[in-house]
């Protein structure tokens, strides 16, 4: 029995060695060009600049761009093989007070919570040149979801959904 096992192991090793020698590595595939992701703010959101604060608006733009860029990089451009993604943050509501709100109202506490979220629209251009509209929004519906939230937790959740939508090709998620 032991001899048969040794022979079988030797045969498997020889076949495996032969197979690994016989199979040639495919030609390396050059990495796809990075997808161009742009993010802007709607006129309605810019009108709230004094209320929300420029710092937080810049953070939202940066986070949405980074989230979508990382999602596309992880999935090699996604189902649409996107070459360009142009996004507009239409609306954003914080779960906790922003720095600008805290500065304007000294009695306001960071422990204050509210229902937050965001709406993002835009266009995704696929490798074939087809331009597809995108609309994704997420708003919390109960304070139960907000208890341990940071200032923009629900907006970030909406941004994650935007990244998933761009990658999956399901661009209309309200």
N, C-alpha and C. Protein backbone atom coordinates (compact mmCIF):
# COMPACT_ATOMS: atom_id res chain seq x y z
N UNK A 1 0.82 -1.18 0.00
CA UNK A 1 0.00 0.00 0.00
C UNK A 1 0.87 1.26 0.00
N UNK A 2 1.94 1.20 0.78
CA UNK A 2 2.82 2.35 0.87
C UNK A 2 3.53 2.58 -0.46
N UNK A 3 3.94 1.49 -1.14
CA UNK A 3 4.61 1.61 -2.42
C UNK A 3 3.68 2.23 -3.46
N UNK A 4 2.42 1.82 -3.48
CA UNK A 4 1.46 2.35 -4.43
C UNK A 4 1.27 3.86 -4.22
N UNK A 5 1.24 4.31 -2.96
CA UNK A 5 1.11 5.72 -2.64
C UNK A 5 2.30 6.49 -3.15
N UNK A 6 3.49 5.94 -3.00
CA UNK A 6 4.68 6.62 -3.48
C UNK A 6 4.68 6.74 -4.99
N UNK A 7 4.26 5.68 -5.67
CA UNK A 7 4.20 5.72 -7.13
C UNK A 7 3.17 6.75 -7.58
N UNK A 8 2.01 6.76 -6.93
CA UNK A 8 0.97 7.71 -7.29
C UNK A 8 1.45 9.14 -7.07
N UNK A 9 2.13 9.37 -5.97
CA UNK A 9 2.65 10.70 -5.69
C UNK A 9 3.68 11.10 -6.72
N UNK A 10 4.52 10.14 -7.13
CA UNK A 10 5.54 10.43 -8.15
C UNK A 10 4.89 10.74 -9.48
N UNK A 11 3.85 10.00 -9.85
CA UNK A 11 3.14 10.24 -11.11
C UNK A 11 2.48 11.61 -11.09
N UNK A 12 1.82 11.94 -9.98
CA UNK A 12 1.16 13.24 -9.86
C UNK A 12 2.19 14.35 -9.95
N UNK A 13 3.32 14.20 -9.28
CA UNK A 13 4.36 15.21 -9.32
C UNK A 13 4.91 15.37 -10.73
N UNK A 14 5.11 14.27 -11.44
CA UNK A 14 5.64 14.34 -12.80
C UNK A 14 4.64 15.00 -13.74
N UNK A 15 3.37 14.63 -13.62
CA UNK A 15 2.34 15.22 -14.48
C UNK A 15 2.19 16.70 -14.17
N UNK A 16 2.19 17.05 -12.90
CA UNK A 16 2.09 18.45 -12.50
C UNK A 16 3.26 19.25 -13.00
N UNK A 17 4.46 18.68 -12.94
CA UNK A 17 5.65 19.35 -13.42
C UNK A 17 5.58 19.54 -14.92
N UNK A 18 5.16 18.49 -15.63
CA UNK A 18 5.02 18.58 -17.08
C UNK A 18 3.99 19.62 -17.46
N UNK A 19 2.86 19.63 -16.75
CA UNK A 19 1.79 20.57 -17.05
C UNK A 19 2.25 21.99 -16.80
N UNK A 20 3.02 22.19 -15.74
CA UNK A 20 3.44 23.55 -15.46
C UNK A 20 4.48 24.02 -16.46
N UNK A 21 5.26 23.11 -17.02
CA UNK A 21 6.24 23.48 -18.02
C UNK A 21 5.56 23.71 -19.36
N UNK A 22 4.55 22.91 -19.67
CA UNK A 22 3.89 22.98 -20.96
C UNK A 22 3.01 24.21 -21.10
N UNK A 23 2.50 24.74 -20.01
CA UNK A 23 1.60 25.89 -20.08
C UNK A 23 2.44 27.15 -20.09
N UNK A 24 2.33 27.91 -21.13
CA UNK A 24 3.07 29.15 -21.23
C UNK A 24 2.26 30.28 -20.59
N UNK A 25 2.96 31.22 -20.01
CA UNK A 25 2.29 32.37 -19.43
C UNK A 25 1.73 33.22 -20.56
N UNK A 26 0.47 33.70 -20.40
CA UNK A 26 -0.09 34.57 -21.43
C UNK A 26 0.65 35.91 -21.43
N UNK A 27 0.56 36.60 -22.53
CA UNK A 27 1.22 37.90 -22.63
C UNK A 27 0.62 38.83 -21.58
N UNK A 28 1.47 39.61 -20.93
CA UNK A 28 0.95 40.51 -19.90
C UNK A 28 -0.02 41.52 -20.51
N UNK A 29 -1.13 41.75 -19.80
CA UNK A 29 -2.13 42.70 -20.25
C UNK A 29 -1.80 44.05 -19.64
N UNK A 30 -1.67 45.07 -20.48
CA UNK A 30 -1.35 46.38 -19.91
C UNK A 30 -2.53 46.88 -19.08
N UNK A 31 -2.26 47.57 -17.98
CA UNK A 31 -3.35 48.07 -17.16
C UNK A 31 -4.19 49.09 -17.93
N UNK A 32 -5.48 49.09 -17.68
CA UNK A 32 -6.36 50.03 -18.33
C UNK A 32 -6.05 51.44 -17.84
N UNK A 33 -6.30 52.39 -18.72
CA UNK A 33 -6.09 53.77 -18.33
C UNK A 33 -7.04 54.11 -17.19
N UNK A 34 -6.58 54.88 -16.22
CA UNK A 34 -7.47 55.20 -15.10
C UNK A 34 -8.68 55.99 -15.59
N UNK A 35 -9.81 55.72 -14.97
CA UNK A 35 -11.04 56.41 -15.31
C UNK A 35 -11.00 57.82 -14.75
N UNK A 36 -11.42 58.77 -15.56
CA UNK A 36 -11.48 60.16 -15.13
C UNK A 36 -12.76 60.36 -14.32
N UNK A 37 -12.62 60.74 -13.07
CA UNK A 37 -13.77 60.97 -12.19
C UNK A 37 -13.77 62.44 -11.78
N UNK A 38 -14.88 63.12 -12.08
CA UNK A 38 -15.03 64.52 -11.68
C UNK A 38 -16.27 64.64 -10.79
N UNK A 39 -16.17 65.51 -9.81
CA UNK A 39 -17.28 65.73 -8.88
C UNK A 39 -17.50 67.23 -8.74
N UNK A 40 -18.76 67.63 -8.87
CA UNK A 40 -19.12 69.03 -8.67
C UNK A 40 -20.31 69.09 -7.71
N UNK A 41 -20.64 70.30 -7.30
CA UNK A 41 -21.75 70.52 -6.38
C UNK A 41 -22.87 71.23 -7.13
N UNK A 42 -24.11 70.88 -6.83
CA UNK A 42 -25.25 71.53 -7.48
C UNK A 42 -25.39 72.96 -6.97
N UNK A 43 -26.15 73.76 -7.72
CA UNK A 43 -26.40 75.14 -7.31
C UNK A 43 -27.15 75.18 -5.98
N UNK A 44 -28.07 74.23 -5.79
CA UNK A 44 -28.84 74.18 -4.54
C UNK A 44 -27.92 73.90 -3.35
N UNK A 45 -26.96 73.02 -3.53
CA UNK A 45 -26.04 72.70 -2.44
C UNK A 45 -25.06 73.85 -2.20
N UNK A 46 -24.63 74.50 -3.28
CA UNK A 46 -23.75 75.66 -3.12
C UNK A 46 -24.45 76.80 -2.39
N UNK A 47 -25.78 76.89 -2.54
CA UNK A 47 -26.53 77.91 -1.83
C UNK A 47 -26.49 77.68 -0.32
N UNK A 48 -26.25 76.44 0.10
CA UNK A 48 -26.16 76.11 1.53
C UNK A 48 -24.73 76.19 2.05
N UNK A 49 -23.83 76.78 1.25
CA UNK A 49 -22.41 76.81 1.60
C UNK A 49 -22.16 77.44 2.97
N UNK A 50 -22.85 78.53 3.27
CA UNK A 50 -22.64 79.18 4.57
C UNK A 50 -23.18 78.32 5.70
N UNK A 51 -24.26 77.63 5.46
CA UNK A 51 -24.86 76.77 6.49
C UNK A 51 -24.01 75.52 6.76
N UNK A 52 -23.56 74.87 5.68
CA UNK A 52 -22.81 73.62 5.80
C UNK A 52 -21.33 73.89 6.06
N UNK A 53 -20.78 74.84 5.35
CA UNK A 53 -19.36 75.18 5.48
C UNK A 53 -18.55 74.67 4.30
N UNK A 54 -17.64 75.50 3.84
CA UNK A 54 -16.80 75.16 2.68
C UNK A 54 -15.94 73.93 2.96
N UNK A 55 -15.44 73.84 4.17
CA UNK A 55 -14.58 72.71 4.54
C UNK A 55 -15.32 71.38 4.36
N UNK A 56 -16.56 71.31 4.84
CA UNK A 56 -17.33 70.07 4.73
C UNK A 56 -17.72 69.78 3.28
N UNK A 57 -18.03 70.82 2.51
CA UNK A 57 -18.37 70.60 1.10
C UNK A 57 -17.15 70.06 0.33
N UNK A 58 -15.98 70.60 0.63
CA UNK A 58 -14.76 70.10 -0.01
C UNK A 58 -14.50 68.65 0.39
N UNK A 59 -14.75 68.33 1.66
CA UNK A 59 -14.58 66.95 2.14
C UNK A 59 -15.54 66.00 1.42
N UNK A 60 -16.77 66.43 1.22
CA UNK A 60 -17.75 65.59 0.52
C UNK A 60 -17.32 65.33 -0.92
N UNK A 61 -16.89 66.38 -1.61
CA UNK A 61 -16.42 66.21 -3.00
C UNK A 61 -15.25 65.24 -3.07
N UNK A 62 -14.29 65.44 -2.19
CA UNK A 62 -13.10 64.60 -2.17
C UNK A 62 -13.45 63.15 -1.85
N UNK A 63 -14.32 62.94 -0.87
CA UNK A 63 -14.67 61.58 -0.48
C UNK A 63 -15.43 60.85 -1.59
N UNK A 64 -16.36 61.53 -2.25
CA UNK A 64 -17.09 60.89 -3.35
C UNK A 64 -16.13 60.51 -4.48
N UNK A 65 -15.24 61.41 -4.83
CA UNK A 65 -14.27 61.11 -5.90
C UNK A 65 -13.39 59.92 -5.52
N UNK A 66 -12.86 59.91 -4.29
CA UNK A 66 -12.01 58.81 -3.84
C UNK A 66 -12.76 57.49 -3.79
N UNK A 67 -14.00 57.52 -3.32
CA UNK A 67 -14.81 56.29 -3.21
C UNK A 67 -15.05 55.68 -4.58
N UNK A 68 -15.43 56.50 -5.55
CA UNK A 68 -15.72 55.99 -6.90
C UNK A 68 -14.43 55.54 -7.59
N UNK A 69 -13.36 56.30 -7.42
CA UNK A 69 -12.08 55.93 -8.03
C UNK A 69 -11.58 54.59 -7.50
N UNK A 70 -11.68 54.39 -6.18
CA UNK A 70 -11.25 53.10 -5.58
C UNK A 70 -12.13 51.95 -6.08
N UNK A 71 -13.44 52.17 -6.17
CA UNK A 71 -14.34 51.12 -6.63
C UNK A 71 -14.01 50.73 -8.07
N UNK A 72 -13.75 51.70 -8.92
CA UNK A 72 -13.41 51.41 -10.32
C UNK A 72 -12.06 50.70 -10.42
N UNK A 73 -11.10 51.10 -9.62
CA UNK A 73 -9.79 50.46 -9.64
C UNK A 73 -9.89 49.00 -9.19
N UNK A 74 -10.71 48.76 -8.16
CA UNK A 74 -10.89 47.40 -7.65
C UNK A 74 -11.54 46.48 -8.68
N UNK A 75 -12.37 47.04 -9.54
CA UNK A 75 -13.14 46.22 -10.49
C UNK A 75 -12.77 46.50 -11.94
N UNK A 76 -11.58 47.02 -12.19
CA UNK A 76 -11.07 47.28 -13.54
C UNK A 76 -12.07 48.00 -14.43
N UNK A 77 -12.67 49.05 -13.94
CA UNK A 77 -13.59 49.85 -14.73
C UNK A 77 -15.04 49.42 -14.63
N UNK A 78 -15.29 48.29 -14.02
CA UNK A 78 -16.66 47.84 -13.80
C UNK A 78 -17.33 47.29 -15.04
N UNK A 79 -18.63 47.05 -14.92
CA UNK A 79 -19.41 46.42 -15.99
C UNK A 79 -19.45 47.27 -17.26
N UNK A 80 -19.43 48.58 -17.11
CA UNK A 80 -19.49 49.47 -18.28
C UNK A 80 -18.10 49.82 -18.81
N UNK A 81 -17.06 49.38 -18.13
CA UNK A 81 -15.68 49.75 -18.48
C UNK A 81 -15.60 51.27 -18.64
N UNK A 82 -16.02 51.95 -17.59
CA UNK A 82 -16.14 53.41 -17.61
C UNK A 82 -14.82 54.07 -17.94
N UNK A 83 -14.88 55.06 -18.83
CA UNK A 83 -13.71 55.86 -19.15
C UNK A 83 -13.81 57.24 -18.52
N UNK A 84 -15.05 57.68 -18.25
CA UNK A 84 -15.26 58.98 -17.63
C UNK A 84 -16.52 58.92 -16.78
N UNK A 85 -16.41 59.47 -15.58
CA UNK A 85 -17.55 59.55 -14.67
C UNK A 85 -17.65 61.00 -14.19
N UNK A 86 -18.76 61.64 -14.51
CA UNK A 86 -19.01 63.03 -14.09
C UNK A 86 -20.16 63.02 -13.10
N UNK A 87 -19.89 63.41 -11.87
CA UNK A 87 -20.89 63.33 -10.81
C UNK A 87 -21.22 64.72 -10.26
N UNK A 88 -22.46 64.86 -9.79
CA UNK A 88 -22.92 66.10 -9.16
C UNK A 88 -23.59 65.72 -7.84
N UNK A 89 -23.10 66.28 -6.75
CA UNK A 89 -23.76 66.08 -5.46
C UNK A 89 -24.91 67.08 -5.43
N UNK A 90 -26.12 66.57 -5.56
CA UNK A 90 -27.32 67.41 -5.62
C UNK A 90 -27.73 67.88 -4.23
N UNK A 91 -27.61 67.01 -3.24
CA UNK A 91 -28.05 67.33 -1.90
C UNK A 91 -27.23 66.51 -0.91
N UNK A 92 -27.00 67.06 0.25
CA UNK A 92 -26.31 66.33 1.33
C UNK A 92 -26.81 66.87 2.66
N UNK A 93 -27.15 65.95 3.53
CA UNK A 93 -27.62 66.32 4.87
C UNK A 93 -26.76 65.60 5.90
N UNK A 94 -26.19 66.36 6.85
CA UNK A 94 -25.32 65.74 7.85
C UNK A 94 -26.12 65.02 8.94
N UNK A 95 -25.50 64.03 9.55
CA UNK A 95 -26.11 63.34 10.69
C UNK A 95 -25.83 64.06 12.01
N UNK A 96 -24.76 64.80 12.02
CA UNK A 96 -24.38 65.57 13.21
C UNK A 96 -24.00 66.97 12.75
N UNK A 97 -23.92 67.93 13.66
CA UNK A 97 -23.59 69.30 13.25
C UNK A 97 -22.23 69.39 12.56
N UNK A 98 -22.15 70.26 11.54
CA UNK A 98 -20.88 70.50 10.85
C UNK A 98 -20.09 71.53 11.66
N UNK A 99 -18.84 71.74 11.28
CA UNK A 99 -18.02 72.74 11.97
C UNK A 99 -18.63 74.13 11.85
N UNK A 100 -19.15 74.44 10.66
CA UNK A 100 -19.76 75.76 10.45
C UNK A 100 -20.99 75.94 11.33
N UNK A 101 -21.80 74.91 11.46
CA UNK A 101 -22.99 74.99 12.32
C UNK A 101 -22.58 75.15 13.78
N UNK A 102 -21.54 74.43 14.20
CA UNK A 102 -21.06 74.53 15.58
C UNK A 102 -20.52 75.94 15.86
N UNK A 103 -19.86 76.54 14.88
CA UNK A 103 -19.31 77.88 15.06
C UNK A 103 -20.42 78.92 15.16
N UNK A 104 -21.49 78.75 14.39
CA UNK A 104 -22.60 79.70 14.40
C UNK A 104 -23.47 79.58 15.64
N UNK A 105 -23.61 78.38 16.17
CA UNK A 105 -24.47 78.14 17.33
C UNK A 105 -23.63 77.51 18.45
N UNK A 106 -23.10 78.30 19.33
CA UNK A 106 -22.22 77.77 20.38
C UNK A 106 -22.88 76.73 21.29
N UNK A 107 -24.18 76.78 21.47
CA UNK A 107 -24.86 75.83 22.35
C UNK A 107 -25.13 74.48 21.70
N UNK A 108 -24.85 74.36 20.41
CA UNK A 108 -25.10 73.12 19.69
C UNK A 108 -24.07 72.06 20.11
N UNK A 109 -24.54 70.84 20.26
CA UNK A 109 -23.67 69.76 20.72
C UNK A 109 -23.37 68.78 19.59
N UNK A 110 -22.17 68.21 19.60
CA UNK A 110 -21.83 67.15 18.64
C UNK A 110 -22.63 65.89 18.91
N UNK A 111 -23.28 65.83 20.07
CA UNK A 111 -24.11 64.68 20.37
C UNK A 111 -25.48 64.78 19.70
N UNK A 112 -25.80 65.96 19.14
CA UNK A 112 -27.05 66.12 18.41
C UNK A 112 -27.01 65.22 17.18
N UNK A 113 -28.14 64.59 16.89
CA UNK A 113 -28.20 63.72 15.71
C UNK A 113 -29.40 64.08 14.86
N UNK A 114 -29.32 63.76 13.58
CA UNK A 114 -30.43 63.99 12.68
C UNK A 114 -30.37 62.98 11.55
N UNK A 115 -31.45 62.93 10.80
CA UNK A 115 -31.48 62.04 9.63
C UNK A 115 -30.65 62.69 8.53
N UNK A 116 -29.73 61.94 7.97
CA UNK A 116 -28.84 62.47 6.95
C UNK A 116 -28.89 61.66 5.68
N UNK A 117 -28.06 62.04 4.74
CA UNK A 117 -27.98 61.32 3.48
C UNK A 117 -27.49 62.22 2.37
N UNK A 118 -27.60 61.70 1.14
CA UNK A 118 -27.16 62.47 -0.02
C UNK A 118 -27.82 61.96 -1.28
N UNK A 119 -27.88 62.85 -2.26
CA UNK A 119 -28.36 62.49 -3.60
C UNK A 119 -27.27 62.88 -4.59
N UNK A 120 -26.93 61.93 -5.47
CA UNK A 120 -25.88 62.16 -6.46
C UNK A 120 -26.44 61.82 -7.83
N UNK A 121 -26.22 62.71 -8.78
CA UNK A 121 -26.58 62.43 -10.18
C UNK A 121 -25.32 62.56 -11.02
N UNK A 122 -25.41 62.19 -12.27
CA UNK A 122 -24.26 62.33 -13.14
C UNK A 122 -24.38 61.51 -14.40
N UNK A 123 -23.24 61.34 -15.04
CA UNK A 123 -23.16 60.58 -16.29
C UNK A 123 -21.93 59.69 -16.27
N UNK A 124 -22.10 58.48 -16.80
CA UNK A 124 -21.00 57.53 -16.91
C UNK A 124 -20.79 57.25 -18.38
N UNK A 125 -19.57 57.48 -18.86
CA UNK A 125 -19.23 57.20 -20.24
C UNK A 125 -18.49 55.87 -20.29
N UNK A 126 -19.06 54.92 -21.03
CA UNK A 126 -18.46 53.60 -21.15
C UNK A 126 -17.36 53.58 -22.20
N UNK A 127 -16.64 52.46 -22.27
CA UNK A 127 -15.55 52.31 -23.23
C UNK A 127 -16.06 52.40 -24.66
N UNK A 128 -17.33 52.06 -24.87
CA UNK A 128 -17.92 52.12 -26.22
C UNK A 128 -18.39 53.52 -26.58
N UNK A 129 -18.23 54.49 -25.67
CA UNK A 129 -18.61 55.87 -25.92
C UNK A 129 -20.05 56.19 -25.51
N UNK A 130 -20.79 55.19 -25.10
CA UNK A 130 -22.18 55.41 -24.69
C UNK A 130 -22.21 56.14 -23.35
N UNK A 131 -23.03 57.19 -23.29
CA UNK A 131 -23.17 57.97 -22.06
C UNK A 131 -24.48 57.55 -21.38
N UNK A 132 -24.36 57.14 -20.13
CA UNK A 132 -25.52 56.67 -19.36
C UNK A 132 -25.74 57.58 -18.17
N UNK A 133 -27.00 57.99 -17.93
CA UNK A 133 -27.28 58.83 -16.76
C UNK A 133 -27.22 58.02 -15.47
N UNK A 134 -26.88 58.68 -14.38
CA UNK A 134 -26.77 58.05 -13.08
C UNK A 134 -27.58 58.85 -12.07
N UNK A 135 -28.30 58.18 -11.20
CA UNK A 135 -29.03 58.83 -10.12
C UNK A 135 -29.06 57.88 -8.92
N UNK A 136 -28.42 58.27 -7.85
CA UNK A 136 -28.36 57.45 -6.64
C UNK A 136 -28.61 58.35 -5.44
N UNK A 137 -29.46 57.88 -4.53
CA UNK A 137 -29.66 58.63 -3.29
C UNK A 137 -29.83 57.66 -2.13
N UNK A 138 -29.47 58.13 -0.97
CA UNK A 138 -29.70 57.39 0.26
C UNK A 138 -29.91 58.40 1.37
N UNK A 139 -31.01 58.23 2.08
CA UNK A 139 -31.29 59.04 3.27
C UNK A 139 -31.74 58.08 4.37
N UNK A 140 -31.23 58.28 5.57
CA UNK A 140 -31.68 57.43 6.67
C UNK A 140 -33.14 57.76 6.97
N UNK A 141 -33.86 56.77 7.42
CA UNK A 141 -35.28 56.95 7.68
C UNK A 141 -35.63 56.89 9.16
N UNK A 142 -34.68 56.50 9.97
CA UNK A 142 -34.94 56.40 11.41
C UNK A 142 -33.68 56.79 12.18
N UNK A 143 -33.88 57.40 13.33
CA UNK A 143 -32.75 57.79 14.16
C UNK A 143 -32.00 56.58 14.71
N UNK A 144 -32.64 55.43 14.72
CA UNK A 144 -32.00 54.21 15.18
C UNK A 144 -30.70 53.94 14.40
N UNK A 145 -30.70 54.27 13.11
CA UNK A 145 -29.52 54.06 12.26
C UNK A 145 -28.44 55.10 12.51
N UNK A 146 -28.75 56.16 13.19
CA UNK A 146 -27.86 57.31 13.31
C UNK A 146 -27.10 57.35 14.63
N UNK A 147 -27.44 56.56 15.59
CA UNK A 147 -26.92 56.67 16.95
C UNK A 147 -25.39 56.79 17.01
N UNK A 148 -24.66 55.95 16.32
CA UNK A 148 -23.19 55.98 16.39
C UNK A 148 -22.58 56.66 15.16
N UNK A 149 -23.36 57.48 14.49
CA UNK A 149 -22.92 58.07 13.23
C UNK A 149 -21.95 59.23 13.41
N UNK A 150 -21.10 59.40 12.41
CA UNK A 150 -20.23 60.58 12.33
C UNK A 150 -21.02 61.69 11.62
N UNK A 151 -20.39 62.81 11.38
CA UNK A 151 -21.09 63.95 10.78
C UNK A 151 -21.74 63.59 9.44
N UNK A 152 -21.04 62.89 8.58
CA UNK A 152 -21.55 62.60 7.24
C UNK A 152 -21.74 61.10 6.98
N UNK A 153 -22.03 60.31 7.98
CA UNK A 153 -22.14 58.85 7.81
C UNK A 153 -23.11 58.43 6.72
N UNK A 154 -24.31 59.01 6.70
CA UNK A 154 -25.29 58.60 5.69
C UNK A 154 -24.91 59.10 4.30
N UNK A 155 -24.26 60.25 4.22
CA UNK A 155 -23.77 60.72 2.92
C UNK A 155 -22.70 59.76 2.40
N UNK A 156 -21.82 59.30 3.28
CA UNK A 156 -20.79 58.34 2.87
C UNK A 156 -21.43 57.03 2.42
N UNK A 157 -22.49 56.62 3.07
CA UNK A 157 -23.21 55.41 2.65
C UNK A 157 -23.78 55.62 1.25
N UNK A 158 -24.31 56.80 0.98
CA UNK A 158 -24.80 57.11 -0.37
C UNK A 158 -23.65 57.06 -1.38
N UNK A 159 -22.48 57.57 -0.99
CA UNK A 159 -21.33 57.57 -1.89
C UNK A 159 -20.86 56.14 -2.19
N UNK A 160 -20.91 55.27 -1.18
CA UNK A 160 -20.58 53.86 -1.41
C UNK A 160 -21.53 53.26 -2.44
N UNK A 161 -22.80 53.63 -2.35
CA UNK A 161 -23.79 53.13 -3.31
C UNK A 161 -23.52 53.68 -4.71
N UNK A 162 -23.03 54.90 -4.80
CA UNK A 162 -22.66 55.45 -6.10
C UNK A 162 -21.52 54.62 -6.70
N UNK A 163 -20.50 54.33 -5.90
CA UNK A 163 -19.39 53.49 -6.38
C UNK A 163 -19.88 52.14 -6.85
N UNK A 164 -20.76 51.52 -6.06
CA UNK A 164 -21.32 50.22 -6.44
C UNK A 164 -22.13 50.32 -7.73
N UNK A 165 -22.90 51.40 -7.88
CA UNK A 165 -23.73 51.58 -9.07
C UNK A 165 -22.87 51.74 -10.32
N UNK A 166 -21.81 52.53 -10.22
CA UNK A 166 -20.92 52.75 -11.38
C UNK A 166 -20.25 51.44 -11.78
N UNK A 167 -19.81 50.67 -10.79
CA UNK A 167 -19.13 49.40 -11.07
C UNK A 167 -20.08 48.35 -11.63
N UNK A 168 -21.28 48.28 -11.07
CA UNK A 168 -22.24 47.23 -11.49
C UNK A 168 -23.01 47.59 -12.75
N UNK A 169 -23.08 48.88 -13.08
CA UNK A 169 -23.84 49.30 -14.24
C UNK A 169 -25.31 49.56 -13.93
N UNK A 170 -25.71 49.38 -12.67
CA UNK A 170 -27.09 49.70 -12.25
C UNK A 170 -27.10 51.15 -11.77
N UNK A 171 -27.38 52.07 -12.70
CA UNK A 171 -27.14 53.47 -12.47
C UNK A 171 -28.32 54.26 -11.90
N UNK A 172 -29.47 53.64 -11.74
CA UNK A 172 -30.63 54.36 -11.23
C UNK A 172 -31.08 53.71 -9.93
N UNK A 173 -30.59 54.24 -8.82
CA UNK A 173 -30.92 53.69 -7.50
C UNK A 173 -31.41 54.80 -6.60
N UNK A 174 -32.71 54.91 -6.48
CA UNK A 174 -33.27 55.99 -5.64
C UNK A 174 -33.62 55.50 -4.31
